[in-house]
């Protein structure tokens, strides 16, 4: 798996917050799909924290394993 911290501008992406994220804080994640990659960030630090990038194939494999 090739996960890398993003250094390019990702402001144009449309971010989706996890349905498990509540309004009380805690562990929250946001995901955005680009043309060739999927981007993941901590929703509590939106716009200011690190963003991870994985390929679409790797994201599909992750979701397949996570959903079971």
PDB file of N, CA and C in Angstrom:
ATOM      1  N   UNK A   1       0.851  -1.174   0.000  1.00  0.00           N
ATOM      2  CA  UNK A   1       0.000   0.000   0.000  1.00  0.00           C
ATOM      3  C   UNK A   1       0.891   1.230   0.000  1.00  0.00           C
ATOM      4  N   UNK A   2       0.522   2.206  -0.789  1.00  0.00           N
ATOM      5  CA  UNK A   2       1.303   3.443  -0.848  1.00  0.00           C
ATOM      6  C   UNK A   2       0.458   4.606  -0.333  1.00  0.00           C
ATOM      7  N   UNK A   3       0.660   4.941   0.915  1.00  0.00           N
ATOM      8  CA  UNK A   3      -0.045   6.064   1.530  1.00  0.00           C
ATOM      9  C   UNK A   3       0.954   7.203   1.646  1.00  0.00           C
ATOM     10  N   UNK A   4       0.532   8.382   1.260  1.00  0.00           N
ATOM     11  CA  UNK A   4       1.420   9.522   1.358  1.00  0.00           C
ATOM     12  C   UNK A   4       0.687  10.742   1.874  1.00  0.00           C
ATOM     13  N   UNK A   5       1.436  11.584   2.604  1.00  0.00           N
ATOM     14  CA  UNK A   5       0.839  12.833   3.054  1.00  0.00           C
ATOM     15  C   UNK A   5       0.826  13.794   1.876  1.00  0.00           C
ATOM     16  N   UNK A   6      -0.305  14.427   1.668  1.00  0.00           N
ATOM     17  CA  UNK A   6      -0.503  15.300   0.517  1.00  0.00           C
ATOM     18  C   UNK A   6       0.211  16.628   0.723  1.00  0.00           C
ATOM     19  N   UNK A   7       0.869  17.074  -0.336  1.00  0.00           N
ATOM     20  CA  UNK A   7       1.498  18.394  -0.295  1.00  0.00           C
ATOM     21  C   UNK A   7       0.834  19.352  -1.283  1.00  0.00           C
ATOM     22  N   UNK A   8       0.039  18.805  -2.232  1.00  0.00           N
ATOM     23  CA  UNK A   8      -0.636  19.688  -3.188  1.00  0.00           C
ATOM     24  C   UNK A   8      -1.913  20.254  -2.575  1.00  0.00           C
ATOM     25  N   UNK A   9      -2.471  21.256  -3.230  1.00  0.00           N
ATOM     26  CA  UNK A   9      -3.688  21.919  -2.775  1.00  0.00           C
ATOM     27  C   UNK A   9      -4.890  20.996  -2.978  1.00  0.00           C
ATOM     28  N   UNK A  10      -5.657  20.757  -1.913  1.00  0.00           N
ATOM     29  CA  UNK A  10      -6.842  19.894  -1.993  1.00  0.00           C
ATOM     30  C   UNK A  10      -8.117  20.673  -1.654  1.00  0.00           C
ATOM     31  N   UNK A  11      -8.061  21.998  -1.756  1.00  0.00           N
ATOM     32  CA  UNK A  11      -9.218  22.832  -1.417  1.00  0.00           C
ATOM     33  C   UNK A  11     -10.401  22.596  -2.347  1.00  0.00           C
ATOM     34  N   UNK A  12     -10.169  22.161  -3.577  1.00  0.00           N
ATOM     35  CA  UNK A  12     -11.247  21.964  -4.528  1.00  0.00           C
ATOM     36  C   UNK A  12     -11.997  20.650  -4.366  1.00  0.00           C
ATOM     37  N   UNK A  13     -11.570  19.817  -3.435  1.00  0.00           N
ATOM     38  CA  UNK A  13     -12.228  18.526  -3.237  1.00  0.00           C
ATOM     39  C   UNK A  13     -13.505  18.694  -2.425  1.00  0.00           C
ATOM     40  N   UNK A  14     -14.454  17.796  -2.655  1.00  0.00           N
ATOM     41  CA  UNK A  14     -15.694  17.786  -1.869  1.00  0.00           C
ATOM     42  C   UNK A  14     -15.549  16.729  -0.783  1.00  0.00           C
ATOM     43  N   UNK A  15     -15.508  17.178   0.465  1.00  0.00           N
ATOM     44  CA  UNK A  15     -15.268  16.302   1.602  1.00  0.00           C
ATOM     45  C   UNK A  15     -16.579  15.791   2.182  1.00  0.00           C
ATOM     46  N   UNK A  16     -16.568  14.522   2.586  1.00  0.00           N
ATOM     47  CA  UNK A  16     -17.722  13.879   3.215  1.00  0.00           C
ATOM     48  C   UNK A  16     -17.316  13.401   4.596  1.00  0.00           C
ATOM     49  N   UNK A  17     -18.106  13.775   5.593  1.00  0.00           N
ATOM     50  CA  UNK A  17     -17.835  13.378   6.965  1.00  0.00           C
ATOM     51  C   UNK A  17     -18.440  12.001   7.224  1.00  0.00           C
ATOM     52  N   UNK A  18     -17.759  11.206   8.013  1.00  0.00           N
ATOM     53  CA  UNK A  18     -18.254   9.876   8.355  1.00  0.00           C
ATOM     54  C   UNK A  18     -19.618   9.964   9.021  1.00  0.00           C
ATOM     55  N   UNK A  19     -20.495   9.024   8.685  1.00  0.00           N
ATOM     56  CA  UNK A  19     -21.821   8.993   9.316  1.00  0.00           C
ATOM     57  C   UNK A  19     -21.723   8.647  10.795  1.00  0.00           C
ATOM     58  N   UNK A  20     -20.577   8.138  11.225  1.00  0.00           N
ATOM     59  CA  UNK A  20     -20.362   7.809  12.637  1.00  0.00           C
ATOM     60  C   UNK A  20     -19.845   9.014  13.429  1.00  0.00           C
ATOM     61  N   UNK A  21     -19.545  10.114  12.752  1.00  0.00           N
ATOM     62  CA  UNK A  21     -19.062  11.315  13.422  1.00  0.00           C
ATOM     63  C   UNK A  21     -20.242  12.055  14.045  1.00  0.00           C
ATOM     64  N   UNK A  22     -20.152  12.285  15.311  1.00  0.00           N
ATOM     65  CA  UNK A  22     -21.217  13.006  16.003  1.00  0.00           C
ATOM     66  C   UNK A  22     -20.857  14.459  16.203  1.00  0.00           C
ATOM     67  N   UNK A  23     -21.734  15.198  16.825  1.00  0.00           N
ATOM     68  CA  UNK A  23     -21.479  16.618  17.059  1.00  0.00           C
ATOM     69  C   UNK A  23     -20.672  16.842  18.321  1.00  0.00           C
ATOM     70  N   UNK A  24     -20.402  15.788  19.092  1.00  0.00           N
ATOM     71  CA  UNK A  24     -19.686  15.928  20.353  1.00  0.00           C
ATOM     72  C   UNK A  24     -18.189  15.757  20.260  1.00  0.00           C
ATOM     73  N   UNK A  25     -17.618  15.745  19.055  1.00  0.00           N
ATOM     74  CA  UNK A  25     -16.176  15.577  18.903  1.00  0.00           C
ATOM     75  C   UNK A  25     -15.815  14.114  18.821  1.00  0.00           C
ATOM     76  N   UNK A  26     -14.664  13.762  19.347  1.00  0.00           N
ATOM     77  CA  UNK A  26     -14.218  12.379  19.285  1.00  0.00           C
ATOM     78  C   UNK A  26     -13.458  12.100  18.008  1.00  0.00           C
ATOM     79  N   UNK A  27     -13.344  10.825  17.685  1.00  0.00           N
ATOM     80  CA  UNK A  27     -12.613  10.410  16.497  1.00  0.00           C
ATOM     81  C   UNK A  27     -13.489  10.548  15.263  1.00  0.00           C
ATOM     82  N   UNK A  28     -13.144  11.474  14.380  1.00  0.00           N
ATOM     83  CA  UNK A  28     -13.939  11.737  13.185  1.00  0.00           C
ATOM     84  C   UNK A  28     -13.022  11.726  11.969  1.00  0.00           C
ATOM     85  N   UNK A  29     -13.586  11.292  10.846  1.00  0.00           N
ATOM     86  CA  UNK A  29     -12.808  11.230   9.617  1.00  0.00           C
ATOM     87  C   UNK A  29     -13.640  11.794   8.466  1.00  0.00           C
ATOM     88  N   UNK A  30     -12.944  12.462   7.540  1.00  0.00           N
ATOM     89  CA  UNK A  30     -13.566  12.956   6.321  1.00  0.00           C
ATOM     90  C   UNK A  30     -12.825  12.347   5.139  1.00  0.00           C
ATOM     91  N   UNK A  31     -13.560  12.103   4.060  1.00  0.00           N
ATOM     92  CA  UNK A  31     -13.001  11.481   2.870  1.00  0.00           C
ATOM     93  C   UNK A  31     -13.427  12.286   1.652  1.00  0.00           C
ATOM     94  N   UNK A  32     -12.526  12.414   0.687  1.00  0.00           N
ATOM     95  CA  UNK A  32     -12.839  13.063  -0.585  1.00  0.00           C
ATOM     96  C   UNK A  32     -12.271  12.207  -1.706  1.00  0.00           C
ATOM     97  N   UNK A  33     -13.029  12.037  -2.779  1.00  0.00           N
ATOM     98  CA  UNK A  33     -12.579  11.243  -3.920  1.00  0.00           C
ATOM     99  C   UNK A  33     -12.088  12.165  -5.021  1.00  0.00           C
ATOM    100  N   UNK A  34     -10.865  11.932  -5.453  1.00  0.00           N
ATOM    101  CA  UNK A  34     -10.314  12.640  -6.593  1.00  0.00           C
ATOM    102  C   UNK A  34     -10.355  11.733  -7.812  1.00  0.00           C
ATOM    103  N   UNK A  35      -9.790  12.174  -8.919  1.00  0.00           N
ATOM    104  CA  UNK A  35      -9.806  11.378 -10.145  1.00  0.00           C
ATOM    105  C   UNK A  35      -9.022  10.075  -9.993  1.00  0.00           C
ATOM    106  N   UNK A  36      -7.846  10.147  -9.392  1.00  0.00           N
ATOM    107  CA  UNK A  36      -6.980   8.979  -9.293  1.00  0.00           C
ATOM    108  C   UNK A  36      -6.718   8.526  -7.868  1.00  0.00           C
ATOM    109  N   UNK A  37      -7.270   9.231  -6.896  1.00  0.00           N
ATOM    110  CA  UNK A  37      -6.946   8.917  -5.504  1.00  0.00           C
ATOM    111  C   UNK A  37      -8.099   9.270  -4.579  1.00  0.00           C
ATOM    112  N   UNK A  38      -8.014   8.758  -3.362  1.00  0.00           N
ATOM    113  CA  UNK A  38      -8.959   9.089  -2.298  1.00  0.00           C
ATOM    114  C   UNK A  38      -8.152   9.773  -1.201  1.00  0.00           C
ATOM    115  N   UNK A  39      -8.717  10.825  -0.641  1.00  0.00           N
ATOM    116  CA  UNK A  39      -8.040  11.633   0.363  1.00  0.00           C
ATOM    117  C   UNK A  39      -8.765  11.497   1.700  1.00  0.00           C
ATOM    118  N   UNK A  40      -8.007  11.429   2.768  1.00  0.00           N
ATOM    119  CA  UNK A  40      -8.566  11.221   4.110  1.00  0.00           C
ATOM    120  C   UNK A  40      -7.953  12.253   5.048  1.00  0.00           C
ATOM    121  N   UNK A  41      -8.796  12.836   5.919  1.00  0.00           N
ATOM    122  CA  UNK A  41      -8.296  13.794   6.904  1.00  0.00           C
ATOM    123  C   UNK A  41      -9.130  13.717   8.178  1.00  0.00           C
ATOM    124  N   UNK A  42      -8.613  14.283   9.233  1.00  0.00           N
ATOM    125  CA  UNK A  42      -9.300  14.380  10.521  1.00  0.00           C
ATOM    126  C   UNK A  42     -10.280  15.545  10.427  1.00  0.00           C
ATOM    127  N   UNK A  43     -11.559  15.278  10.621  1.00  0.00           N
ATOM    128  CA  UNK A  43     -12.569  16.329  10.453  1.00  0.00           C
ATOM    129  C   UNK A  43     -12.481  17.412  11.517  1.00  0.00           C
ATOM    130  N   UNK A  44     -11.828  17.116  12.625  1.00  0.00           N
ATOM    131  CA  UNK A  44     -11.700  18.129  13.677  1.00  0.00           C
ATOM    132  C   UNK A  44     -10.641  19.164  13.332  1.00  0.00           C
ATOM    133  N   UNK A  45      -9.807  18.882  12.322  1.00  0.00           N
ATOM    134  CA  UNK A  45      -8.745  19.793  11.928  1.00  0.00           C
ATOM    135  C   UNK A  45      -8.899  20.158  10.451  1.00  0.00           C
ATOM    136  N   UNK A  46     -10.136  20.238   9.985  1.00  0.00           N
ATOM    137  CA  UNK A  46     -10.405  20.509   8.569  1.00  0.00           C
ATOM    138  C   UNK A  46      -9.691  21.768   8.104  1.00  0.00           C
ATOM    139  N   UNK A  47      -8.998  21.658   6.998  1.00  0.00           N
ATOM    140  CA  UNK A  47      -8.297  22.793   6.423  1.00  0.00           C
ATOM    141  C   UNK A  47      -6.930  23.049   7.009  1.00  0.00           C
ATOM    142  N   UNK A  48      -6.627  22.477   8.165  1.00  0.00           N
ATOM    143  CA  UNK A  48      -5.343  22.779   8.769  1.00  0.00           C
ATOM    144  C   UNK A  48      -4.489  21.585   9.102  1.00  0.00           C
ATOM    145  N   UNK A  49      -5.044  20.404   9.015  1.00  0.00           N
ATOM    146  CA  UNK A  49      -4.292  19.216   9.388  1.00  0.00           C
ATOM    147  C   UNK A  49      -3.754  18.468   8.189  1.00  0.00           C
ATOM    148  N   UNK A  50      -3.046  17.380   8.462  1.00  0.00           N
ATOM    149  CA  UNK A  50      -2.505  16.582   7.367  1.00  0.00           C
ATOM    150  C   UNK A  50      -3.603  15.855   6.598  1.00  0.00           C
ATOM    151  N   UNK A  51      -3.338  15.616   5.339  1.00  0.00           N
ATOM    152  CA  UNK A  51      -4.246  14.878   4.466  1.00  0.00           C
ATOM    153  C   UNK A  51      -3.470  13.694   3.911  1.00  0.00           C
ATOM    154  N   UNK A  52      -4.071  12.504   3.985  1.00  0.00           N
ATOM    155  CA  UNK A  52      -3.448  11.308   3.425  1.00  0.00           C
ATOM    156  C   UNK A  52      -4.082  10.985   2.085  1.00  0.00           C
ATOM    157  N   UNK A  53      -3.265  10.455   1.167  1.00  0.00           N
ATOM    158  CA  UNK A  53      -3.736  10.095  -0.168  1.00  0.00           C
ATOM    159  C   UNK A  53      -3.467   8.612  -0.399  1.00  0.00           C
ATOM    160  N   UNK A  54      -4.491   7.894  -0.871  1.00  0.00           N
ATOM    161  CA  UNK A  54      -4.332   6.491  -1.261  1.00  0.00           C
ATOM    162  C   UNK A  54      -4.948   6.324  -2.646  1.00  0.00           C
ATOM    163  N   UNK A  55      -4.477   5.336  -3.382  1.00  0.00           N
ATOM    164  CA  UNK A  55      -5.052   5.109  -4.718  1.00  0.00           C
ATOM    165  C   UNK A  55      -6.479   4.609  -4.571  1.00  0.00           C
ATOM    166  N   UNK A  56      -7.247   4.739  -5.631  1.00  0.00           N
ATOM    167  CA  UNK A  56      -8.637   4.270  -5.602  1.00  0.00           C
ATOM    168  C   UNK A  56      -8.685   2.750  -5.402  1.00  0.00           C
ATOM    169  N   UNK A  57      -7.768   2.015  -6.009  1.00  0.00           N
ATOM    170  CA  UNK A  57      -7.733   0.559  -5.851  1.00  0.00           C
ATOM    171  C   UNK A  57      -7.439   0.183  -4.403  1.00  0.00           C
ATOM    172  N   UNK A  58      -6.514   0.893  -3.780  1.00  0.00           N
ATOM    173  CA  UNK A  58      -6.192   0.615  -2.380  1.00  0.00           C
ATOM    174  C   UNK A  58      -7.362   0.971  -1.469  1.00  0.00           C
ATOM    175  N   UNK A  59      -8.060   2.056  -1.785  1.00  0.00           N
ATOM    176  CA  UNK A  59      -9.240   2.431  -0.990  1.00  0.00           C
ATOM    177  C   UNK A  59     -10.329   1.369  -1.124  1.00  0.00           C
ATOM    178  N   UNK A  60     -10.565   0.892  -2.337  1.00  0.00           N
ATOM    179  CA  UNK A  60     -11.553  -0.165  -2.548  1.00  0.00           C
ATOM    180  C   UNK A  60     -11.205  -1.416  -1.739  1.00  0.00           C
ATOM    181  N   UNK A  61      -9.926  -1.793  -1.732  1.00  0.00           N
ATOM    182  CA  UNK A  61      -9.493  -2.956  -0.958  1.00  0.00           C
ATOM    183  C   UNK A  61      -9.719  -2.716   0.528  1.00  0.00           C
ATOM    184  N   UNK A  62      -9.436  -1.521   1.015  1.00  0.00           N
ATOM    185  CA  UNK A  62      -9.657  -1.182   2.430  1.00  0.00           C
ATOM    186  C   UNK A  62     -11.129  -1.292   2.778  1.00  0.00           C
ATOM    187  N   UNK A  63     -12.007  -0.702   1.964  1.00  0.00           N
ATOM    188  CA  UNK A  63     -13.446  -0.746   2.228  1.00  0.00           C
ATOM    189  C   UNK A  63     -13.956  -2.180   2.199  1.00  0.00           C
ATOM    190  N   UNK A  64     -13.491  -2.973   1.254  1.00  0.00           N
ATOM    191  CA  UNK A  64     -13.905  -4.378   1.174  1.00  0.00           C
ATOM    192  C   UNK A  64     -13.553  -5.113   2.463  1.00  0.00           C
ATOM    193  N   UNK A  65     -12.365  -4.893   2.987  1.00  0.00           N
ATOM    194  CA  UNK A  65     -11.949  -5.544   4.230  1.00  0.00           C
ATOM    195  C   UNK A  65     -12.683  -4.974   5.439  1.00  0.00           C
ATOM    196  N   UNK A  66     -12.930  -3.688   5.447  1.00  0.00           N
ATOM    197  CA  UNK A  66     -13.591  -3.054   6.599  1.00  0.00           C
ATOM    198  C   UNK A  66     -15.048  -3.455   6.701  1.00  0.00           C
ATOM    199  N   UNK A  67     -15.723  -3.593   5.574  1.00  0.00           N
ATOM    200  CA  UNK A  67     -17.131  -3.944   5.570  1.00  0.00           C
ATOM    201  C   UNK A  67     -17.305  -5.442   5.819  1.00  0.00           C
ATOM    202  N   UNK A  68     -16.332  -6.203   5.394  1.00  0.00           N
ATOM    203  CA  UNK A  68     -16.328  -7.632   5.664  1.00  0.00           C
ATOM    204  C   UNK A  68     -17.094  -8.407   4.711  1.00  0.00           C
TER     205      UNK A  68
END
